[in-house]
Amino acid sequence: MDSENLDLPSGKFNNRALEEGKMSKVAVLLADGFEEVEAMAIVDVLRRAEIDVVIAGLHAGVVESARKVKVVPDTTIDAIRAEDFDMIVLPGGQPGSDNLNADERVKTLVREFCSRGKLAGAICAAPYVLAAAGVLEGKRVTAYPSYRDRLGNSRYEEEIVVEDGNVLTSRGPGTALCFGLAIVRRLKGKETAAAIKEGMLIDKYCD
């Protein structure tokens, strides 16, 4: 299944929550060894935009970050159903990304989100998990530089955030706020993203 092409047509994501004025819902998966800045910055920006973020661990109880910060997720991956969410997001970090990749439930869930036309996002090392799940075939992507050769048959770009159809990727801790804003823009619109950016005094390089 790793090599399966689950490429999605560009621009085919339809956010019913945005269209109907409902709250969008995003699942953020945490594995032991996750990158703190990436995970927390993304969750923070999305919740400021009034997006319902559910943090799901790969196991019950505390998940420990790469630098030993302990986080208690809202639930576990086994409670996440693609039909209930608009997007799945994978923070990077090591060994967090390897732990995500080693769990077949993660890749199965990513494929299910994509097959339903939902959004899938990853940052830093984690885009290689999307590649392993078979959803990056032919897509433009970015990642932490040392992972550029682990992205399968995709087209690597050195941009802060790269969006191609239903897949959003970003490069690392320093781009996490921009990544969060890009997700807000997709789920809540440009005006909401601009308001969050202004309120947080985020530098203008996050366009």
C-alpha atoms as a PDB file:
ATOM      1  CA  MET A   1       0.000   0.000   0.000  1.00  0.00           C
ATOM      2  CA  ASP A   2       3.008   2.307   0.501  1.00  0.00           C
ATOM      3  CA  SER A   3       3.322   2.810  -3.225  1.00  0.00           C
ATOM      4  CA  GLU A   4      -0.371   3.243  -3.892  1.00  0.00           C
ATOM      5  CA  ASN A   5      -1.146   6.474  -5.693  1.00  0.00           C
ATOM      6  CA  LEU A   6      -3.826   8.332  -3.818  1.00  0.00           C
ATOM      7  CA  ASP A   7      -3.249  11.616  -5.635  1.00  0.00           C
ATOM      8  CA  LEU A   8      -6.147  14.033  -5.355  1.00  0.00           C
ATOM      9  CA  PRO A   9      -7.311  16.614  -7.909  1.00  0.00           C
ATOM     10  CA  SER A  10      -6.180  20.146  -7.114  1.00  0.00           C
ATOM     11  CA  GLY A  11      -8.801  22.424  -5.625  1.00  0.00           C
ATOM     12  CA  LYS A  12     -11.304  19.648  -4.916  1.00  0.00           C
ATOM     13  CA  PHE A  13     -11.479  20.173  -1.160  1.00  0.00           C
ATOM     14  CA  ASN A  14     -14.927  21.359  -0.168  1.00  0.00           C
ATOM     15  CA  ASN A  15     -15.208  22.451   3.432  1.00  0.00           C
ATOM     16  CA  ARG A  16     -18.828  22.012   4.414  1.00  0.00           C
ATOM     17  CA  ALA A  17     -18.111  23.537   7.817  1.00  0.00           C
ATOM     18  CA  LEU A  18     -16.969  26.765   6.146  1.00  0.00           C
ATOM     19  CA  GLU A  19     -19.879  26.761   3.712  1.00  0.00           C
ATOM     20  CA  GLU A  20     -22.468  26.087   6.407  1.00  0.00           C
ATOM     21  CA  GLY A  21     -20.939  28.269   9.108  1.00  0.00           C
ATOM     22  CA  LYS A  22     -20.091  25.296  11.328  1.00  0.00           C
ATOM     23  CA  MET A  23     -16.933  24.798  13.357  1.00  0.00           C
ATOM     24  CA  SER A  24     -14.180  23.018  11.426  1.00  0.00           C
ATOM     25  CA  LYS A  25     -12.552  20.055  13.143  1.00  0.00           C
ATOM     26  CA  VAL A  26      -8.903  18.970  12.967  1.00  0.00           C
ATOM     27  CA  ALA A  27      -7.152  15.909  14.422  1.00  0.00           C
ATOM     28  CA  VAL A  28      -3.522  16.431  15.485  1.00  0.00           C
ATOM     29  CA  LEU A  29      -1.675  13.163  16.115  1.00  0.00           C
ATOM     30  CA  LEU A  30       1.060  13.021  18.750  1.00  0.00           C
ATOM     31  CA  ALA A  31       3.673  10.303  19.100  1.00  0.00           C
ATOM     32  CA  ASP A  32       6.391  10.130  21.722  1.00  0.00           C
ATOM     33  CA  GLY A  33       9.280  12.305  20.537  1.00  0.00           C
ATOM     34  CA  PHE A  34       7.150  14.927  18.787  1.00  0.00           C
ATOM     35  CA  GLU A  35       8.485  18.438  18.148  1.00  0.00           C
ATOM     36  CA  GLU A  36       6.973  20.734  20.782  1.00  0.00           C
ATOM     37  CA  VAL A  37       7.037  24.013  18.858  1.00  0.00           C
ATOM     38  CA  GLU A  38       5.369  22.490  15.812  1.00  0.00           C
ATOM     39  CA  ALA A  39       2.611  20.713  17.683  1.00  0.00           C
ATOM     40  CA  MET A  40       1.741  23.482  20.104  1.00  0.00           C
ATOM     41  CA  ALA A  41       2.033  26.358  17.621  1.00  0.00           C
ATOM     42  CA  ILE A  42      -0.334  24.638  15.217  1.00  0.00           C
ATOM     43  CA  VAL A  43      -2.853  23.811  17.941  1.00  0.00           C
ATOM     44  CA  ASP A  44      -2.635  27.366  19.305  1.00  0.00           C
ATOM     45  CA  VAL A  45      -3.220  29.073  15.939  1.00  0.00           C
ATOM     46  CA  LEU A  46      -6.112  26.792  15.008  1.00  0.00           C
ATOM     47  CA  ARG A  47      -7.867  27.237  18.335  1.00  0.00           C
ATOM     48  CA  ARG A  48      -7.484  31.013  18.091  1.00  0.00           C
ATOM     49  CA  ALA A  49      -9.410  30.666  14.834  1.00  0.00           C
ATOM     50  CA  GLU A  50     -12.130  28.735  16.696  1.00  0.00           C
ATOM     51  CA  ILE A  51     -11.306  25.501  14.946  1.00  0.00           C
ATOM     52  CA  ASP A  52     -12.107  22.424  17.011  1.00  0.00           C
ATOM     53  CA  VAL A  53      -8.735  20.732  17.508  1.00  0.00           C
ATOM     54  CA  VAL A  54      -8.595  17.214  18.932  1.00  0.00           C
ATOM     55  CA  ILE A  55      -5.136  16.092  20.065  1.00  0.00           C
ATOM     56  CA  ALA A  56      -4.865  12.322  19.738  1.00  0.00           C
ATOM     57  CA  GLY A  57      -2.019  10.242  21.135  1.00  0.00           C
ATOM     58  CA  LEU A  58      -0.914   6.906  19.752  1.00  0.00           C
ATOM     59  CA  HIS A  59      -1.459   5.456  23.197  1.00  0.00           C
ATOM     60  CA  ALA A  60      -3.458   6.313  26.308  1.00  0.00           C
ATOM     61  CA  GLY A  61      -1.988   8.723  28.826  1.00  0.00           C
ATOM     62  CA  VAL A  62       0.894  11.176  28.655  1.00  0.00           C
ATOM     63  CA  VAL A  63       2.862  11.652  25.424  1.00  0.00           C
ATOM     64  CA  GLU A  64       6.423  12.904  25.891  1.00  0.00           C
ATOM     65  CA  SER A  65       8.033  15.278  23.408  1.00  0.00           C
ATOM     66  CA  ALA A  66      11.555  15.211  21.995  1.00  0.00           C
ATOM     67  CA  ARG A  67      12.689  17.471  24.837  1.00  0.00           C
ATOM     68  CA  LYS A  68      10.732  15.700  27.577  1.00  0.00           C
ATOM     69  CA  VAL A  69       7.707  18.000  27.667  1.00  0.00           C
ATOM     70  CA  LYS A  70       4.725  15.936  28.764  1.00  0.00           C
ATOM     71  CA  VAL A  71       1.338  16.473  27.118  1.00  0.00           C
ATOM     72  CA  VAL A  72      -1.959  14.784  27.949  1.00  0.00           C
ATOM     73  CA  PRO A  73      -3.863  14.329  24.659  1.00  0.00           C
ATOM     74  CA  ASP A  74      -7.622  14.704  24.425  1.00  0.00           C
ATOM     75  CA  THR A  75      -8.042  11.124  23.208  1.00  0.00           C
ATOM     76  CA  THR A  76      -6.237   8.325  21.374  1.00  0.00           C
ATOM     77  CA  ILE A  77      -5.940   7.600  17.670  1.00  0.00           C
ATOM     78  CA  ASP A  78      -8.429   4.745  18.004  1.00  0.00           C
ATOM     79  CA  ALA A  79     -11.193   7.297  18.645  1.00  0.00           C
ATOM     80  CA  ILE A  80     -10.469   9.294  15.463  1.00  0.00           C
ATOM     81  CA  ARG A  81     -12.852   8.735  12.555  1.00  0.00           C
ATOM     82  CA  ALA A  82     -12.126  10.470   9.264  1.00  0.00           C
ATOM     83  CA  GLU A  83     -15.791  11.200   8.635  1.00  0.00           C
ATOM     84  CA  ASP A  84     -15.905  13.356  11.787  1.00  0.00           C
ATOM     85  CA  PHE A  85     -13.023  15.672  10.814  1.00  0.00           C
ATOM     86  CA  ASP A  86     -11.974  18.097   8.090  1.00  0.00           C
ATOM     87  CA  MET A  87      -8.228  17.523   8.402  1.00  0.00           C
ATOM     88  CA  ILE A  88      -5.501  15.387   9.937  1.00  0.00           C
ATOM     89  CA  VAL A  89      -2.161  16.979  10.920  1.00  0.00           C
ATOM     90  CA  LEU A  90       1.139  15.265  11.734  1.00  0.00           C
ATOM     91  CA  PRO A  91       3.706  17.312  13.691  1.00  0.00           C
ATOM     92  CA  GLY A  92       7.327  16.383  13.073  1.00  0.00           C
ATOM     93  CA  GLY A  93      10.282  15.925  15.351  1.00  0.00           C
ATOM     94  CA  GLN A  94      12.322  12.829  16.104  1.00  0.00           C
ATOM     95  CA  PRO A  95      11.809  10.134  17.127  1.00  0.00           C
ATOM     96  CA  GLY A  96       8.209  11.343  16.874  1.00  0.00           C
ATOM     97  CA  SER A  97       7.984  11.104  13.081  1.00  0.00           C
ATOM     98  CA  ASP A  98       9.516   7.637  13.076  1.00  0.00           C
ATOM     99  CA  ASN A  99       7.022   6.575  15.736  1.00  0.00           C
ATOM    100  CA  LEU A 100       4.151   7.891  13.617  1.00  0.00           C
ATOM    101  CA  ASN A 101       5.509   6.045  10.588  1.00  0.00           C
ATOM    102  CA  ALA A 102       5.911   2.793  12.496  1.00  0.00           C
ATOM    103  CA  ASP A 103       2.229   2.771  13.476  1.00  0.00           C
ATOM    104  CA  GLU A 104       0.073   1.355  10.678  1.00  0.00           C
ATOM    105  CA  ARG A 105      -2.998   3.016  12.202  1.00  0.00           C
ATOM    106  CA  VAL A 106      -1.516   6.400  11.295  1.00  0.00           C
ATOM    107  CA  LYS A 107      -0.988   5.552   7.638  1.00  0.00           C
ATOM    108  CA  THR A 108      -4.379   3.881   7.381  1.00  0.00           C
ATOM    109  CA  LEU A 109      -6.036   6.975   8.830  1.00  0.00           C
ATOM    110  CA  VAL A 110      -4.123   9.310   6.497  1.00  0.00           C
ATOM    111  CA  ARG A 111      -5.245   7.271   3.495  1.00  0.00           C
ATOM    112  CA  GLU A 112      -8.828   7.328   4.715  1.00  0.00           C
ATOM    113  CA  PHE A 113      -8.807  11.113   5.125  1.00  0.00           C
ATOM    114  CA  CYS A 114      -7.428  11.545   1.621  1.00  0.00           C
ATOM    115  CA  SER A 115      -9.785   9.042   0.029  1.00  0.00           C
ATOM    116  CA  ARG A 116     -12.684  11.031   1.488  1.00  0.00           C
ATOM    117  CA  GLY A 117     -11.367  14.302   0.046  1.00  0.00           C
ATOM    118  CA  LYS A 118     -10.298  15.649   3.441  1.00  0.00           C
ATOM    119  CA  LEU A 119      -7.140  17.655   4.106  1.00  0.00           C
ATOM    120  CA  ALA A 120      -3.886  16.063   5.257  1.00  0.00           C
ATOM    121  CA  GLY A 121      -0.985  18.096   6.640  1.00  0.00           C
ATOM    122  CA  ALA A 122       2.515  17.393   7.923  1.00  0.00           C
ATOM    123  CA  ILE A 123       5.529  19.441   8.934  1.00  0.00           C
ATOM    124  CA  CYS A 124       9.286  18.942   9.342  1.00  0.00           C
ATOM    125  CA  ALA A 125      10.133  15.218   9.112  1.00  0.00           C
ATOM    126  CA  ALA A 126       6.504  14.102   9.152  1.00  0.00           C
ATOM    127  CA  PRO A 127       5.827  14.574   5.400  1.00  0.00           C
ATOM    128  CA  TYR A 128       7.768  11.351   4.900  1.00  0.00           C
ATOM    129  CA  VAL A 129       4.942   9.601   6.777  1.00  0.00           C
ATOM    130  CA  LEU A 130       2.513  10.956   4.169  1.00  0.00           C
ATOM    131  CA  ALA A 131       4.821   9.569   1.480  1.00  0.00           C
ATOM    132  CA  ALA A 132       4.863   6.177   3.185  1.00  0.00           C
ATOM    133  CA  ALA A 133       1.064   6.271   3.257  1.00  0.00           C
ATOM    134  CA  GLY A 134       1.051   6.755  -0.519  1.00  0.00           C
ATOM    135  CA  VAL A 135      -0.589  10.186  -0.686  1.00  0.00           C
ATOM    136  CA  LEU A 136       2.263  12.322  -2.065  1.00  0.00           C
ATOM    137  CA  GLU A 137       2.569  10.789  -5.541  1.00  0.00           C
ATOM    138  CA  GLY A 138       3.221  13.595  -8.033  1.00  0.00           C
ATOM    139  CA  LYS A 139       2.488  16.330  -5.528  1.00  0.00           C
ATOM    140  CA  ARG A 140       4.469  19.448  -4.717  1.00  0.00           C
ATOM    141  CA  VAL A 141       5.692  19.198  -1.129  1.00  0.00           C
ATOM    142  CA  THR A 142       8.212  20.544   1.337  1.00  0.00           C
ATOM    143  CA  ALA A 143       9.806  19.154   4.488  1.00  0.00           C
ATOM    144  CA  TYR A 144      12.813  19.496   6.744  1.00  0.00           C
ATOM    145  CA  PRO A 145      15.771  19.648   4.311  1.00  0.00           C
ATOM    146  CA  SER A 146      17.363  16.369   5.398  1.00  0.00           C
ATOM    147  CA  TYR A 147      14.125  14.547   4.537  1.00  0.00           C
ATOM    148  CA  ARG A 148      13.802  15.769   0.967  1.00  0.00           C
ATOM    149  CA  ASP A 149      14.987  12.396  -0.389  1.00  0.00           C
ATOM    150  CA  ARG A 150      12.406  10.451   1.600  1.00  0.00           C
ATOM    151  CA  LEU A 151       9.291  11.908   0.017  1.00  0.00           C
ATOM    152  CA  GLY A 152       8.639   9.305  -2.659  1.00  0.00           C
ATOM    153  CA  ASN A 153       7.611  10.369  -6.136  1.00  0.00           C
ATOM    154  CA  SER A 154       6.835  13.957  -5.187  1.00  0.00           C
ATOM    155  CA  ARG A 155       8.275  17.331  -6.159  1.00  0.00           C
ATOM    156  CA  TYR A 156      10.260  18.948  -3.361  1.00  0.00           C
ATOM    157  CA  GLU A 157      10.161  22.737  -3.000  1.00  0.00           C
ATOM    158  CA  GLU A 158      12.034  24.950  -0.552  1.00  0.00           C
ATOM    159  CA  GLU A 159       9.039  27.025   0.444  1.00  0.00           C
ATOM    160  CA  ILE A 160       7.715  27.841   3.913  1.00  0.00           C
ATOM    161  CA  VAL A 161       4.398  26.126   3.207  1.00  0.00           C
ATOM    162  CA  VAL A 162       3.467  24.137   0.109  1.00  0.00           C
ATOM    163  CA  GLU A 163      -0.145  23.383  -0.763  1.00  0.00           C
ATOM    164  CA  ASP A 164      -1.058  20.956  -3.520  1.00  0.00           C
ATOM    165  CA  GLY A 165      -4.688  19.956  -3.672  1.00  0.00           C
ATOM    166  CA  ASN A 166      -5.653  18.405  -0.349  1.00  0.00           C
ATOM    167  CA  VAL A 167      -2.098  18.131   1.012  1.00  0.00           C
ATOM    168  CA  LEU A 168      -0.332  20.861   3.004  1.00  0.00           C
ATOM    169  CA  THR A 169       3.286  20.566   4.111  1.00  0.00           C
ATOM    170  CA  SER A 170       5.781  22.780   5.897  1.00  0.00           C
ATOM    171  CA  ARG A 171       9.474  22.751   6.840  1.00  0.00           C
ATOM    172  CA  GLY A 172      10.126  22.886  10.592  1.00  0.00           C
ATOM    173  CA  PRO A 173       9.734  24.645  13.950  1.00  0.00           C
ATOM    174  CA  GLY A 174      10.425  28.082  12.472  1.00  0.00           C
ATOM    175  CA  THR A 175       7.612  27.704   9.944  1.00  0.00           C
ATOM    176  CA  ALA A 176       4.993  26.271  12.290  1.00  0.00           C
ATOM    177  CA  LEU A 177       3.053  29.526  12.759  1.00  0.00           C
ATOM    178  CA  CYS A 178       2.905  30.042   9.002  1.00  0.00           C
ATOM    179  CA  PHE A 179       1.720  26.454   8.613  1.00  0.00           C
ATOM    180  CA  GLY A 180      -1.020  27.034  11.170  1.00  0.00           C
ATOM    181  CA  LEU A 181      -2.119  30.163   9.319  1.00  0.00           C
ATOM    182  CA  ALA A 182      -2.219  28.275   6.023  1.00  0.00           C
ATOM    183  CA  ILE A 183      -4.517  25.703   7.600  1.00  0.00           C
ATOM    184  CA  VAL A 184      -6.739  28.458   8.989  1.00  0.00           C
ATOM    185  CA  ARG A 185      -6.916  30.027   5.544  1.00  0.00           C
ATOM    186  CA  ARG A 186      -8.063  26.742   4.028  1.00  0.00           C
ATOM    187  CA  LEU A 187     -10.627  25.994   6.722  1.00  0.00           C
ATOM    188  CA  LYS A 188     -11.875  29.431   7.761  1.00  0.00           C
ATOM    189  CA  GLY A 189     -10.947  31.772   4.903  1.00  0.00           C
ATOM    190  CA  LYS A 190      -8.434  34.539   4.225  1.00  0.00           C
ATOM    191  CA  GLU A 191     -10.055  37.138   6.498  1.00  0.00           C
ATOM    192  CA  THR A 192      -9.887  34.909   9.562  1.00  0.00           C
ATOM    193  CA  ALA A 193      -6.270  33.982   8.828  1.00  0.00           C
ATOM    194  CA  ALA A 194      -5.350  37.652   8.380  1.00  0.00           C
ATOM    195  CA  ALA A 195      -7.010  38.578  11.678  1.00  0.00           C
ATOM    196  CA  ILE A 196      -5.138  35.846  13.553  1.00  0.00           C
ATOM    197  CA  LYS A 197      -1.866  36.898  11.944  1.00  0.00           C
ATOM    198  CA  GLU A 198      -2.365  40.525  12.912  1.00  0.00           C
ATOM    199  CA  GLY A 199      -3.460  39.698  16.451  1.00  0.00           C
ATOM    200  CA  MET A 200      -0.422  37.491  17.057  1.00  0.00           C
ATOM    201  CA  LEU A 201       2.012  40.032  15.491  1.00  0.00           C
ATOM    202  CA  ILE A 202       3.266  37.328  13.154  1.00  0.00           C
ATOM    203  CA  ASP A 203       5.891  38.606  10.729  1.00  0.00           C
ATOM    204  CA  LYS A 204       4.700  39.445   7.243  1.00  0.00           C
ATOM    205  CA  TYR A 205       6.703  36.614   5.667  1.00  0.00           C
ATOM    206  CA  CYS A 206       3.733  34.369   6.585  1.00  0.00           C
ATOM    207  CA  ASP A 207       1.658  35.343   3.537  1.00  0.00           C
END
